Amino acid sequence: MKRICIHQPDFLPYLGFFHRLLCTDLFIVLDDVQFLRKGSGWHNRDIIKTPRGISWLTLSVKKGNLQQKINEVLLSEDDKWITKNLNLLKENYNQAPYFKDYFPNIRDIYLSGFCKMTDLNLAFLKFFYGLFELEVSSVLSSELNVEGQKNEKLIHLIKAVGGTHYLSGVGAKDYLDEQLFANEGIVVEWQQFRPPIYPQLYGDFIPNLSCIDLLFNYGPKSKDILRSCADAR
């Protein structure tokens, strides 16, 4: 059995993203599909908590054509957006228990000089793999050179790496055709993710925030919170 997870390289994603990797043999980073612009995707944004409720933390990217792929998206050259992001984190998390311990790591990744959005996102993911003590084997979908759209592309990617099981988030139930996968000998499994509750700033707990919220609030114990969720299978 070889279980595969396929997902776009999102920006500082929520815990469910990492939870799926706990039971995955190979993570295919879906970097050669259409970039979803602001308002419809998570490729360059996620939510954090503030005293006024949730707020977006957003990467500024250069304008591209409507069919632009994720791995083609360039970050804005004007680094004012970086300063804005870092100030937003300082303003809302400076009182968090582990802010001073980990903010320098986050700042250094922001200031690493990446030109492509994908490279910055993958650098953040690698940092959180270490924090969560995840041993993640991964490959870029663009390196596998498969054709197809939607279900067909997913099936071709899984077959290209010898996968037998596909672990999918429940959000795909609206479009994923399990019978097509079964016809190719691939078993579809649905992630069972229950957002964990942990200490947060600013009142009542808000689930499914960016992983950076857990980092600043729970620090090195974040891996235990991640593993406290329901079984990913």
C-alpha atoms as a PDB file:
ATOM      1  CA  MET A   1       0.000   0.000   0.000  1.00  0.00           C
ATOM      2  CA  LYS A   2       1.239   3.466  -0.897  1.00  0.00           C
ATOM      3  CA  ARG A   3      -0.908   6.382   0.284  1.00  0.00           C
ATOM      4  CA  ILE A   4      -0.676   9.632  -1.666  1.00  0.00           C
ATOM      5  CA  CYS A   5      -1.713  13.160  -0.725  1.00  0.00           C
ATOM      6  CA  ILE A   6      -2.007  15.803  -3.449  1.00  0.00           C
ATOM      7  CA  HIS A   7      -2.385  19.468  -2.582  1.00  0.00           C
ATOM      8  CA  GLN A   8      -1.333  22.918  -3.700  1.00  0.00           C
ATOM      9  CA  PRO A   9       1.579  24.537  -1.809  1.00  0.00           C
ATOM     10  CA  ASP A  10      -0.609  26.924   0.176  1.00  0.00           C
ATOM     11  CA  PHE A  11       0.670  29.834   2.266  1.00  0.00           C
ATOM     12  CA  LEU A  12       0.980  29.109   6.002  1.00  0.00           C
ATOM     13  CA  PRO A  13      -2.007  26.692   5.852  1.00  0.00           C
ATOM     14  CA  TYR A  14      -4.294  25.516   8.622  1.00  0.00           C
ATOM     15  CA  LEU A  15      -3.586  22.391  10.684  1.00  0.00           C
ATOM     16  CA  GLY A  16      -5.723  20.124   8.540  1.00  0.00           C
ATOM     17  CA  PHE A  17      -3.147  20.513   5.763  1.00  0.00           C
ATOM     18  CA  PHE A  18      -0.404  19.038   7.934  1.00  0.00           C
ATOM     19  CA  HIS A  19      -2.683  16.495   9.582  1.00  0.00           C
ATOM     20  CA  ARG A  20      -3.204  14.729   6.251  1.00  0.00           C
ATOM     21  CA  LEU A  21       0.554  14.308   5.928  1.00  0.00           C
ATOM     22  CA  LEU A  22       0.685  12.266   9.153  1.00  0.00           C
ATOM     23  CA  CYS A  23      -0.701   9.257   7.275  1.00  0.00           C
ATOM     24  CA  THR A  24       0.811   9.926   3.858  1.00  0.00           C
ATOM     25  CA  ASP A  25       3.653   8.063   2.177  1.00  0.00           C
ATOM     26  CA  LEU A  26       4.185  10.706  -0.492  1.00  0.00           C
ATOM     27  CA  PHE A  27       3.014  14.301  -0.825  1.00  0.00           C
ATOM     28  CA  ILE A  28       2.602  15.469  -4.411  1.00  0.00           C
ATOM     29  CA  VAL A  29       2.901  19.253  -4.399  1.00  0.00           C
ATOM     30  CA  LEU A  30       0.360  20.407  -6.966  1.00  0.00           C
ATOM     31  CA  ASP A  31       2.271  23.367  -8.360  1.00  0.00           C
ATOM     32  CA  ASP A  32       1.263  23.258 -12.040  1.00  0.00           C
ATOM     33  CA  VAL A  33      -2.443  24.066 -11.783  1.00  0.00           C
ATOM     34  CA  GLN A  34      -4.178  27.425 -12.068  1.00  0.00           C
ATOM     35  CA  PHE A  35      -3.389  30.048  -9.454  1.00  0.00           C
ATOM     36  CA  LEU A  36      -6.574  31.164  -7.715  1.00  0.00           C
ATOM     37  CA  ARG A  37      -6.590  34.912  -7.291  1.00  0.00           C
ATOM     38  CA  LYS A  38      -7.517  36.771  -4.107  1.00  0.00           C
ATOM     39  CA  GLY A  39     -11.014  35.956  -2.939  1.00  0.00           C
ATOM     40  CA  SER A  40     -11.119  32.364  -4.185  1.00  0.00           C
ATOM     41  CA  GLY A  41      -8.077  30.488  -2.918  1.00  0.00           C
ATOM     42  CA  TRP A  42      -5.475  29.982  -0.207  1.00  0.00           C
ATOM     43  CA  HIS A  43      -2.332  30.007  -2.316  1.00  0.00           C
ATOM     44  CA  ASN A  44      -1.152  33.412  -1.125  1.00  0.00           C
ATOM     45  CA  ARG A  45      -3.215  34.076   1.993  1.00  0.00           C
ATOM     46  CA  ASP A  46      -4.585  32.675   5.246  1.00  0.00           C
ATOM     47  CA  ILE A  47      -6.323  33.975   8.346  1.00  0.00           C
ATOM     48  CA  ILE A  48      -4.922  34.995  11.720  1.00  0.00           C
ATOM     49  CA  LYS A  49      -6.605  36.120  14.940  1.00  0.00           C
ATOM     50  CA  THR A  50      -6.732  39.703  16.167  1.00  0.00           C
ATOM     51  CA  PRO A  51      -8.561  41.495  19.021  1.00  0.00           C
ATOM     52  CA  ARG A  52     -11.186  42.425  16.413  1.00  0.00           C
ATOM     53  CA  GLY A  53     -11.650  38.909  15.066  1.00  0.00           C
ATOM     54  CA  ILE A  54      -9.997  37.288  12.069  1.00  0.00           C
ATOM     55  CA  SER A  55      -7.784  39.114   9.582  1.00  0.00           C
ATOM     56  CA  TRP A  56      -6.088  38.086   6.343  1.00  0.00           C
ATOM     57  CA  LEU A  57      -2.318  37.667   6.136  1.00  0.00           C
ATOM     58  CA  THR A  58      -1.600  38.007   2.428  1.00  0.00           C
ATOM     59  CA  LEU A  59       1.399  37.685   0.121  1.00  0.00           C
ATOM     60  CA  SER A  60       1.561  40.407  -2.525  1.00  0.00           C
ATOM     61  CA  VAL A  61       2.047  38.960  -6.012  1.00  0.00           C
ATOM     62  CA  LYS A  62       2.552  40.361  -9.472  1.00  0.00           C
ATOM     63  CA  LYS A  63      -0.423  40.417 -11.800  1.00  0.00           C
ATOM     64  CA  GLY A  64      -0.535  37.564 -14.306  1.00  0.00           C
ATOM     65  CA  ASN A  65      -2.925  36.105 -16.853  1.00  0.00           C
ATOM     66  CA  LEU A  66      -6.044  34.237 -15.754  1.00  0.00           C
ATOM     67  CA  GLN A  67      -4.528  30.848 -16.637  1.00  0.00           C
ATOM     68  CA  GLN A  68      -1.292  31.484 -14.748  1.00  0.00           C
ATOM     69  CA  LYS A  69      -0.015  28.408 -12.915  1.00  0.00           C
ATOM     70  CA  ILE A  70       0.934  28.435  -9.251  1.00  0.00           C
ATOM     71  CA  ASN A  71       4.614  27.843 -10.023  1.00  0.00           C
ATOM     72  CA  GLU A  72       4.639  30.854 -12.357  1.00  0.00           C
ATOM     73  CA  VAL A  73       3.436  33.401  -9.809  1.00  0.00           C
ATOM     74  CA  LEU A  74       6.027  36.013  -8.837  1.00  0.00           C
ATOM     75  CA  LEU A  75       6.097  37.928  -5.570  1.00  0.00           C
ATOM     76  CA  SER A  76       5.860  41.715  -5.741  1.00  0.00           C
ATOM     77  CA  GLU A  77       9.284  43.334  -5.894  1.00  0.00           C
ATOM     78  CA  ASP A  78       8.236  46.175  -3.600  1.00  0.00           C
ATOM     79  CA  ASP A  79       9.054  44.718  -0.189  1.00  0.00           C
ATOM     80  CA  LYS A  80       6.645  47.035   1.632  1.00  0.00           C
ATOM     81  CA  TRP A  81       4.206  44.107   1.739  1.00  0.00           C
ATOM     82  CA  ILE A  82       6.775  42.113   3.733  1.00  0.00           C
ATOM     83  CA  THR A  83       7.047  44.878   6.300  1.00  0.00           C
ATOM     84  CA  LYS A  84       3.251  45.076   6.425  1.00  0.00           C
ATOM     85  CA  ASN A  85       2.976  41.321   7.033  1.00  0.00           C
ATOM     86  CA  LEU A  86       5.613  41.330   9.758  1.00  0.00           C
ATOM     87  CA  ASN A  87       4.043  44.333  11.474  1.00  0.00           C
ATOM     88  CA  LEU A  88       0.648  42.660  11.377  1.00  0.00           C
ATOM     89  CA  LEU A  89       2.111  39.619  13.131  1.00  0.00           C
ATOM     90  CA  LYS A  90       3.905  41.789  15.710  1.00  0.00           C
ATOM     91  CA  GLU A  91       0.788  43.807  16.417  1.00  0.00           C
ATOM     92  CA  ASN A  92      -1.428  40.797  17.031  1.00  0.00           C
ATOM     93  CA  TYR A  93       0.917  38.164  18.479  1.00  0.00           C
ATOM     94  CA  ASN A  94       3.568  40.023  20.457  1.00  0.00           C
ATOM     95  CA  GLN A  95       1.828  38.959  23.688  1.00  0.00           C
ATOM     96  CA  ALA A  96       1.635  35.298  22.678  1.00  0.00           C
ATOM     97  CA  PRO A  97       3.782  32.970  24.858  1.00  0.00           C
ATOM     98  CA  TYR A  98       6.152  31.879  22.074  1.00  0.00           C
ATOM     99  CA  PHE A  99       6.160  34.915  19.808  1.00  0.00           C
ATOM    100  CA  LYS A 100       9.677  36.033  20.750  1.00  0.00           C
ATOM    101  CA  ASP A 101      11.009  32.489  20.306  1.00  0.00           C
ATOM    102  CA  TYR A 102       9.755  31.969  16.765  1.00  0.00           C
ATOM    103  CA  PHE A 103       9.173  35.364  15.182  1.00  0.00           C
ATOM    104  CA  PRO A 104      12.862  35.612  14.123  1.00  0.00           C
ATOM    105  CA  ASN A 105      12.450  32.350  12.161  1.00  0.00           C
ATOM    106  CA  ILE A 106       9.362  33.654  10.397  1.00  0.00           C
ATOM    107  CA  ARG A 107      11.031  37.005   9.679  1.00  0.00           C
ATOM    108  CA  ASP A 108      14.100  35.309   8.219  1.00  0.00           C
ATOM    109  CA  ILE A 109      12.014  33.247   5.813  1.00  0.00           C
ATOM    110  CA  TYR A 110      10.148  36.354   4.658  1.00  0.00           C
ATOM    111  CA  LEU A 111      13.478  38.109   4.092  1.00  0.00           C
ATOM    112  CA  SER A 112      15.157  35.230   2.233  1.00  0.00           C
ATOM    113  CA  GLY A 113      14.779  36.984  -1.116  1.00  0.00           C
ATOM    114  CA  PHE A 114      12.489  34.514  -2.865  1.00  0.00           C
ATOM    115  CA  CYS A 115      11.140  35.677  -6.224  1.00  0.00           C
ATOM    116  CA  LYS A 116       8.485  32.988  -6.668  1.00  0.00           C
ATOM    117  CA  MET A 117       5.490  32.540  -4.422  1.00  0.00           C
ATOM    118  CA  THR A 118       5.911  28.758  -4.536  1.00  0.00           C
ATOM    119  CA  ASP A 119       9.468  28.923  -3.207  1.00  0.00           C
ATOM    120  CA  LEU A 120       8.426  31.079  -0.257  1.00  0.00           C
ATOM    121  CA  ASN A 121       5.456  28.844   0.540  1.00  0.00           C
ATOM    122  CA  LEU A 122       7.592  25.701   0.402  1.00  0.00           C
ATOM    123  CA  ALA A 123      10.157  27.305   2.717  1.00  0.00           C
ATOM    124  CA  PHE A 124       7.425  27.973   5.269  1.00  0.00           C
ATOM    125  CA  LEU A 125       6.103  24.419   4.885  1.00  0.00           C
ATOM    126  CA  LYS A 126       9.580  23.002   5.469  1.00  0.00           C
ATOM    127  CA  PHE A 127       9.897  25.047   8.655  1.00  0.00           C
ATOM    128  CA  PHE A 128       6.604  23.688   9.958  1.00  0.00           C
ATOM    129  CA  TYR A 129       7.533  20.125   9.004  1.00  0.00           C
ATOM    130  CA  GLY A 130      10.395  20.526  11.454  1.00  0.00           C
ATOM    131  CA  LEU A 131       8.202  22.062  14.135  1.00  0.00           C
ATOM    132  CA  PHE A 132       5.644  19.270  13.820  1.00  0.00           C
ATOM    133  CA  GLU A 133       8.364  16.604  13.478  1.00  0.00           C
ATOM    134  CA  LEU A 134       6.937  15.407  10.175  1.00  0.00           C
ATOM    135  CA  GLU A 135       9.097  13.322   7.868  1.00  0.00           C
ATOM    136  CA  VAL A 136       7.599  14.315   4.543  1.00  0.00           C
ATOM    137  CA  SER A 137       8.582  12.746   1.227  1.00  0.00           C
ATOM    138  CA  SER A 138       7.418  15.009  -1.566  1.00  0.00           C
ATOM    139  CA  VAL A 139       7.627  15.621  -5.291  1.00  0.00           C
ATOM    140  CA  LEU A 140       6.438  18.515  -7.437  1.00  0.00           C
ATOM    141  CA  SER A 141       3.631  17.631  -9.824  1.00  0.00           C
ATOM    142  CA  SER A 142       5.380  19.723 -12.479  1.00  0.00           C
ATOM    143  CA  GLU A 143       8.276  17.254 -12.373  1.00  0.00           C
ATOM    144  CA  LEU A 144       5.999  14.307 -13.181  1.00  0.00           C
ATOM    145  CA  ASN A 145       4.887  15.722 -16.558  1.00  0.00           C
ATOM    146  CA  VAL A 146       1.374  14.291 -16.596  1.00  0.00           C
ATOM    147  CA  GLU A 147      -1.571  15.587 -18.598  1.00  0.00           C
ATOM    148  CA  GLY A 148      -5.256  15.888 -17.780  1.00  0.00           C
ATOM    149  CA  GLN A 149      -7.681  18.000 -15.797  1.00  0.00           C
ATOM    150  CA  LYS A 150      -9.222  17.563 -12.348  1.00  0.00           C
ATOM    151  CA  ASN A 151      -9.937  13.853 -11.610  1.00  0.00           C
ATOM    152  CA  GLU A 152      -7.953  12.670 -14.615  1.00  0.00           C
ATOM    153  CA  LYS A 153      -4.862  14.621 -13.589  1.00  0.00           C
ATOM    154  CA  LEU A 154      -5.029  13.347 -10.011  1.00  0.00           C
ATOM    155  CA  ILE A 155      -5.290   9.758 -11.213  1.00  0.00           C
ATOM    156  CA  HIS A 156      -2.356  10.183 -13.588  1.00  0.00           C
ATOM    157  CA  LEU A 157      -0.235  11.717 -10.827  1.00  0.00           C
ATOM    158  CA  ILE A 158      -1.005   8.879  -8.414  1.00  0.00           C
ATOM    159  CA  LYS A 159      -0.215   6.241 -11.034  1.00  0.00           C
ATOM    160  CA  ALA A 160       3.015   8.035 -11.974  1.00  0.00           C
ATOM    161  CA  VAL A 161       4.365   7.479  -8.456  1.00  0.00           C
ATOM    162  CA  GLY A 162       2.940   3.994  -7.941  1.00  0.00           C
ATOM    163  CA  GLY A 163       0.239   5.032  -5.499  1.00  0.00           C
ATOM    164  CA  THR A 164      -2.525   2.666  -4.424  1.00  0.00           C
ATOM    165  CA  HIS A 165      -4.502   4.909  -2.055  1.00  0.00           C
ATOM    166  CA  TYR A 166      -5.452   8.558  -2.333  1.00  0.00           C
ATOM    167  CA  LEU A 167      -6.066  10.494   0.895  1.00  0.00           C
ATOM    168  CA  SER A 168      -8.264  13.478   0.106  1.00  0.00           C
ATOM    169  CA  GLY A 169      -9.721  16.334   2.089  1.00  0.00           C
ATOM    170  CA  VAL A 170     -13.503  16.299   2.396  1.00  0.00           C
ATOM    171  CA  GLY A 171     -13.750  19.550   0.457  1.00  0.00           C
ATOM    172  CA  ALA A 172     -13.139  17.525  -2.723  1.00  0.00           C
ATOM    173  CA  LYS A 173     -16.353  15.512  -2.320  1.00  0.00           C
ATOM    174  CA  ASP A 174     -18.168  17.990  -4.536  1.00  0.00           C
ATOM    175  CA  TYR A 175     -16.099  17.119  -7.585  1.00  0.00           C
ATOM    176  CA  LEU A 176     -14.100  13.939  -6.967  1.00  0.00           C
ATOM    177  CA  ASP A 177     -15.502  10.895  -8.829  1.00  0.00           C
ATOM    178  CA  GLU A 178     -14.532   7.874  -6.723  1.00  0.00           C
ATOM    179  CA  GLN A 179     -15.589   5.435  -9.430  1.00  0.00           C
ATOM    180  CA  LEU A 180     -12.996   6.812 -11.847  1.00  0.00           C
ATOM    181  CA  PHE A 181     -10.309   6.145  -9.235  1.00  0.00           C
ATOM    182  CA  ALA A 182     -11.676   2.658  -8.528  1.00  0.00           C
ATOM    183  CA  ASN A 183     -11.567   1.868 -12.245  1.00  0.00           C
ATOM    184  CA  GLU A 184      -7.819   2.503 -12.102  1.00  0.00           C
ATOM    185  CA  GLY A 185      -7.315   0.417  -8.952  1.00  0.00           C
ATOM    186  CA  ILE A 186      -6.951   3.420  -6.642  1.00  0.00           C
ATOM    187  CA  VAL A 187      -8.711   3.476  -3.268  1.00  0.00           C
ATOM    188  CA  VAL A 188     -10.032   6.896  -2.227  1.00  0.00           C
ATOM    189  CA  GLU A 189      -9.859   7.647   1.499  1.00  0.00           C
ATOM    190  CA  TRP A 190     -11.375  10.719   3.141  1.00  0.00           C
ATOM    191  CA  GLN A 191      -9.525  12.648   5.789  1.00  0.00           C
ATOM    192  CA  GLN A 192     -11.267  12.833   9.148  1.00  0.00           C
ATOM    193  CA  PHE A 193     -10.005  16.031  10.724  1.00  0.00           C
ATOM    194  CA  ARG A 194     -11.330  17.520  13.939  1.00  0.00           C
ATOM    195  CA  PRO A 195      -9.837  20.982  14.637  1.00  0.00           C
ATOM    196  CA  PRO A 196      -7.980  20.780  17.964  1.00  0.00           C
ATOM    197  CA  ILE A 197      -8.665  23.333  20.675  1.00  0.00           C
ATOM    198  CA  TYR A 198      -5.651  25.069  22.184  1.00  0.00           C
ATOM    199  CA  PRO A 199      -5.006  28.293  24.161  1.00  0.00           C
ATOM    200  CA  GLN A 200      -5.365  31.416  22.016  1.00  0.00           C
ATOM    201  CA  LEU A 201      -5.268  35.142  22.617  1.00  0.00           C
ATOM    202  CA  TYR A 202      -8.353  37.351  22.448  1.00  0.00           C
ATOM    203  CA  GLY A 203     -11.282  35.437  23.850  1.00  0.00           C
ATOM    204  CA  ASP A 204     -13.214  32.517  22.420  1.00  0.00           C
ATOM    205  CA  PHE A 205     -11.348  29.898  20.414  1.00  0.00           C
ATOM    206  CA  ILE A 206     -11.454  30.226  16.622  1.00  0.00           C
ATOM    207  CA  PRO A 207     -10.691  27.014  14.673  1.00  0.00           C
ATOM    208  CA  ASN A 208      -8.893  26.556  11.350  1.00  0.00           C
ATOM    209  CA  LEU A 209      -6.607  29.559  11.546  1.00  0.00           C
ATOM    210  CA  SER A 210      -3.199  29.638   9.893  1.00  0.00           C
ATOM    211  CA  CYS A 211      -0.652  27.317  11.497  1.00  0.00           C
ATOM    212  CA  ILE A 212       1.229  30.416  12.611  1.00  0.00           C
ATOM    213  CA  ASP A 213      -1.428  30.983  15.292  1.00  0.00           C
ATOM    214  CA  LEU A 214      -0.604  27.638  16.900  1.00  0.00           C
ATOM    215  CA  LEU A 215       3.122  28.330  16.580  1.00  0.00           C
ATOM    216  CA  PHE A 216       3.045  31.574  18.546  1.00  0.00           C
ATOM    217  CA  ASN A 217       0.597  30.271  21.146  1.00  0.00           C
ATOM    218  CA  TYR A 218       1.950  26.776  21.764  1.00  0.00           C
ATOM    219  CA  GLY A 219       5.521  26.727  20.461  1.00  0.00           C
ATOM    220  CA  PRO A 220       7.421  23.427  20.689  1.00  0.00           C
ATOM    221  CA  LYS A 221       4.311  21.638  21.974  1.00  0.00           C
ATOM    222  CA  SER A 222       2.521  22.323  18.680  1.00  0.00           C
ATOM    223  CA  LYS A 223       3.347  18.830  17.443  1.00  0.00           C
ATOM    224  CA  ASP A 224       1.344  17.354  20.317  1.00  0.00           C
ATOM    225  CA  ILE A 225      -1.680  19.480  19.423  1.00  0.00           C
ATOM    226  CA  LEU A 226      -1.478  18.333  15.801  1.00  0.00           C
ATOM    227  CA  ARG A 227      -1.336  14.693  16.843  1.00  0.00           C
ATOM    228  CA  SER A 228      -4.275  15.089  19.216  1.00  0.00           C
ATOM    229  CA  CYS A 229      -6.652  15.292  16.230  1.00  0.00           C
ATOM    230  CA  ALA A 230      -8.750  12.402  14.981  1.00  0.00           C
ATOM    231  CA  ASP A 231      -7.119   9.701  12.845  1.00  0.00           C
ATOM    232  CA  ALA A 232      -6.473  11.136   9.385  1.00  0.00           C
ATOM    233  CA  ARG A 233      -7.754   8.004   7.623  1.00  0.00           C
END
